[in-house]
Amino acid sequence: MADRYLTVAQVAELLGTTERFPRRLIAERRIVFVKVGRHVRIPESALNVFIDANTVQPIGHRRGSLGRAA
């Protein structure tokens, strides 16, 4: 199946950020991107890999002395 190539604006919209954030990811080489002439595109699969790599899983509820009423 062919990968969709997203513009910086599309990536920003999907992430709920301004365009500055994906541009910074590109400048810092923190995400895979493709240059087509002067245009920059981010493969949708690369965006999914970036999101997966930066997803933080919740910690289970720990029972301890903290948080108990005296």
N, C-alpha and C. Protein backbone atom coordinates (compact mmCIF):
# COMPACT_ATOMS: atom_id res chain seq x y z
N MET A 1 0.85 -1.18 0.00
CA MET A 1 0.00 0.00 0.00
C MET A 1 0.89 1.24 0.00
N ALA A 2 0.51 2.22 -0.81
CA ALA A 2 1.31 3.44 -0.94
C ALA A 2 1.13 4.33 0.28
N ASP A 3 2.21 4.98 0.67
CA ASP A 3 2.21 5.88 1.81
C ASP A 3 1.73 7.26 1.37
N ARG A 4 0.96 7.93 2.20
CA ARG A 4 0.58 9.32 1.92
C ARG A 4 1.71 10.22 2.37
N TYR A 5 1.99 11.25 1.59
CA TYR A 5 3.01 12.23 1.95
C TYR A 5 2.31 13.51 2.36
N LEU A 6 2.55 13.93 3.59
CA LEU A 6 1.84 15.05 4.19
C LEU A 6 2.68 16.32 4.16
N THR A 7 2.01 17.44 4.00
CA THR A 7 2.70 18.73 4.08
C THR A 7 2.94 19.07 5.54
N VAL A 8 3.76 20.06 5.77
CA VAL A 8 4.04 20.51 7.13
C VAL A 8 2.74 20.99 7.78
N ALA A 9 1.90 21.68 7.03
CA ALA A 9 0.63 22.17 7.56
C ALA A 9 -0.29 21.00 7.96
N GLN A 10 -0.33 19.96 7.15
CA GLN A 10 -1.16 18.80 7.47
C GLN A 10 -0.66 18.10 8.73
N VAL A 11 0.66 17.96 8.86
CA VAL A 11 1.25 17.32 10.05
C VAL A 11 0.92 18.16 11.29
N ALA A 12 1.06 19.46 11.18
CA ALA A 12 0.76 20.35 12.31
C ALA A 12 -0.70 20.20 12.72
N GLU A 13 -1.59 20.11 11.76
CA GLU A 13 -3.01 19.96 12.07
C GLU A 13 -3.28 18.62 12.76
N LEU A 14 -2.67 17.55 12.26
CA LEU A 14 -2.87 16.24 12.88
C LEU A 14 -2.33 16.19 14.31
N LEU A 15 -1.21 16.88 14.55
CA LEU A 15 -0.62 16.89 15.89
C LEU A 15 -1.25 17.94 16.80
N GLY A 16 -2.04 18.84 16.22
CA GLY A 16 -2.65 19.89 17.02
C GLY A 16 -1.66 20.95 17.46
N THR A 17 -0.68 21.22 16.60
CA THR A 17 0.35 22.21 16.91
C THR A 17 0.40 23.26 15.81
N THR A 18 1.29 24.21 15.97
CA THR A 18 1.54 25.17 14.90
C THR A 18 2.52 24.52 13.91
N GLU A 19 2.72 25.14 12.77
CA GLU A 19 3.65 24.61 11.76
C GLU A 19 5.10 24.67 12.25
N ARG A 20 5.35 25.47 13.22
CA ARG A 20 6.72 25.61 13.73
C ARG A 20 7.25 24.29 14.30
N PHE A 21 6.37 23.53 14.99
CA PHE A 21 6.81 22.29 15.62
C PHE A 21 7.28 21.25 14.60
N PRO A 22 6.49 20.90 13.56
CA PRO A 22 7.03 19.95 12.58
C PRO A 22 8.26 20.47 11.84
N ARG A 23 8.31 21.77 11.62
CA ARG A 23 9.51 22.33 10.97
C ARG A 23 10.74 22.13 11.86
N ARG A 24 10.56 22.28 13.17
CA ARG A 24 11.68 22.05 14.10
C ARG A 24 12.09 20.58 14.10
N LEU A 25 11.10 19.67 14.05
CA LEU A 25 11.42 18.24 13.98
C LEU A 25 12.25 17.94 12.73
N ILE A 26 11.89 18.58 11.63
CA ILE A 26 12.63 18.39 10.38
C ILE A 26 14.04 18.96 10.50
N ALA A 27 14.16 20.17 11.02
CA ALA A 27 15.47 20.83 11.14
C ALA A 27 16.41 20.05 12.05
N GLU A 28 15.84 19.45 13.11
CA GLU A 28 16.66 18.68 14.06
C GLU A 28 16.81 17.22 13.63
N ARG A 29 16.27 16.86 12.48
CA ARG A 29 16.33 15.49 11.93
C ARG A 29 15.74 14.48 12.92
N ARG A 30 14.63 14.86 13.59
CA ARG A 30 13.98 13.98 14.55
C ARG A 30 12.83 13.20 13.93
N ILE A 31 12.54 13.47 12.64
CA ILE A 31 11.48 12.76 11.94
C ILE A 31 11.93 12.55 10.49
N VAL A 32 11.51 11.45 9.91
CA VAL A 32 11.85 11.15 8.52
C VAL A 32 11.07 12.10 7.62
N PHE A 33 11.73 12.64 6.61
CA PHE A 33 11.05 13.50 5.66
C PHE A 33 11.63 13.31 4.28
N VAL A 34 10.89 13.78 3.28
CA VAL A 34 11.30 13.66 1.87
C VAL A 34 11.32 15.05 1.28
N LYS A 35 12.39 15.37 0.56
CA LYS A 35 12.45 16.64 -0.15
C LYS A 35 12.14 16.39 -1.60
N VAL A 36 11.15 17.12 -2.11
CA VAL A 36 10.78 17.06 -3.51
C VAL A 36 11.01 18.47 -4.05
N GLY A 37 12.19 18.66 -4.63
CA GLY A 37 12.57 20.01 -5.01
C GLY A 37 12.75 20.83 -3.75
N ARG A 38 12.01 21.92 -3.66
CA ARG A 38 12.09 22.74 -2.44
C ARG A 38 10.98 22.41 -1.46
N HIS A 39 10.12 21.48 -1.82
CA HIS A 39 9.01 21.08 -0.96
C HIS A 39 9.43 19.96 -0.01
N VAL A 40 8.90 20.01 1.19
CA VAL A 40 9.19 18.99 2.20
C VAL A 40 7.89 18.24 2.49
N ARG A 41 7.99 16.92 2.48
CA ARG A 41 6.83 16.09 2.78
C ARG A 41 7.23 15.06 3.83
N ILE A 42 6.28 14.73 4.70
CA ILE A 42 6.52 13.74 5.74
C ILE A 42 5.61 12.55 5.46
N PRO A 43 6.20 11.36 5.28
CA PRO A 43 5.37 10.18 5.07
C PRO A 43 4.47 9.93 6.28
N GLU A 44 3.24 9.54 6.03
CA GLU A 44 2.30 9.29 7.12
C GLU A 44 2.83 8.20 8.05
N SER A 45 3.52 7.21 7.49
CA SER A 45 4.08 6.14 8.33
C SER A 45 5.16 6.69 9.26
N ALA A 46 5.94 7.66 8.79
CA ALA A 46 6.98 8.27 9.64
C ALA A 46 6.34 9.05 10.78
N LEU A 47 5.22 9.70 10.51
CA LEU A 47 4.51 10.42 11.56
C LEU A 47 3.99 9.44 12.61
N ASN A 48 3.45 8.31 12.16
CA ASN A 48 2.96 7.29 13.10
C ASN A 48 4.10 6.72 13.94
N VAL A 49 5.26 6.50 13.33
CA VAL A 49 6.43 6.00 14.08
C VAL A 49 6.85 7.03 15.12
N PHE A 50 6.87 8.31 14.74
CA PHE A 50 7.25 9.38 15.68
C PHE A 50 6.28 9.42 16.85
N ILE A 51 4.99 9.33 16.57
CA ILE A 51 3.98 9.36 17.63
C ILE A 51 4.14 8.15 18.55
N ASP A 52 4.33 6.97 17.97
CA ASP A 52 4.50 5.76 18.78
C ASP A 52 5.74 5.85 19.66
N ALA A 53 6.83 6.37 19.11
CA ALA A 53 8.08 6.46 19.86
C ALA A 53 7.99 7.46 21.01
N ASN A 54 7.08 8.43 20.91
CA ASN A 54 6.98 9.46 21.93
C ASN A 54 5.73 9.34 22.79
N THR A 55 5.05 8.21 22.68
CA THR A 55 3.87 7.97 23.49
C THR A 55 4.29 7.44 24.85
N VAL A 56 3.81 8.08 25.89
CA VAL A 56 4.15 7.69 27.26
C VAL A 56 2.98 6.91 27.83
N GLN A 57 3.25 5.72 28.31
CA GLN A 57 2.23 4.88 28.91
C GLN A 57 1.99 5.29 30.35
N PRO A 58 0.74 5.22 30.81
CA PRO A 58 0.46 5.59 32.19
C PRO A 58 1.04 4.58 33.17
N ILE A 59 1.36 5.07 34.35
CA ILE A 59 1.85 4.21 35.42
C ILE A 59 0.64 3.69 36.17
N GLY A 60 0.65 2.41 36.51
CA GLY A 60 -0.45 1.84 37.27
C GLY A 60 -0.54 2.46 38.65
N HIS A 61 -1.69 2.39 39.25
CA HIS A 61 -1.89 2.95 40.59
C HIS A 61 -1.03 2.22 41.60
N ARG A 62 -0.18 2.97 42.28
CA ARG A 62 0.69 2.38 43.28
C ARG A 62 0.12 2.65 44.66
N ARG A 63 0.09 1.65 45.44
CA ARG A 63 -0.39 1.81 46.81
C ARG A 63 0.81 2.01 47.73
N GLY A 64 0.78 3.07 48.45
CA GLY A 64 1.88 3.38 49.38
C GLY A 64 1.38 4.31 50.45
N SER A 65 2.30 4.82 51.22
CA SER A 65 1.92 5.68 52.32
C SER A 65 1.52 7.07 51.83
N LEU A 66 1.98 7.45 50.62
CA LEU A 66 1.63 8.76 50.11
C LEU A 66 0.18 8.76 49.66
N GLY A 67 -0.51 9.84 49.92
CA GLY A 67 -1.87 9.99 49.47
C GLY A 67 -2.91 9.47 50.44
N ARG A 68 -2.50 8.85 51.52
CA ARG A 68 -3.46 8.37 52.50
C ARG A 68 -3.79 9.47 53.50
N ALA A 69 -5.00 9.44 53.94
CA ALA A 69 -5.41 10.41 54.97
C ALA A 69 -4.82 9.97 56.30
N ALA A 70 -4.46 10.94 57.10
CA ALA A 70 -3.87 10.63 58.41
C ALA A 70 -4.90 10.17 59.41
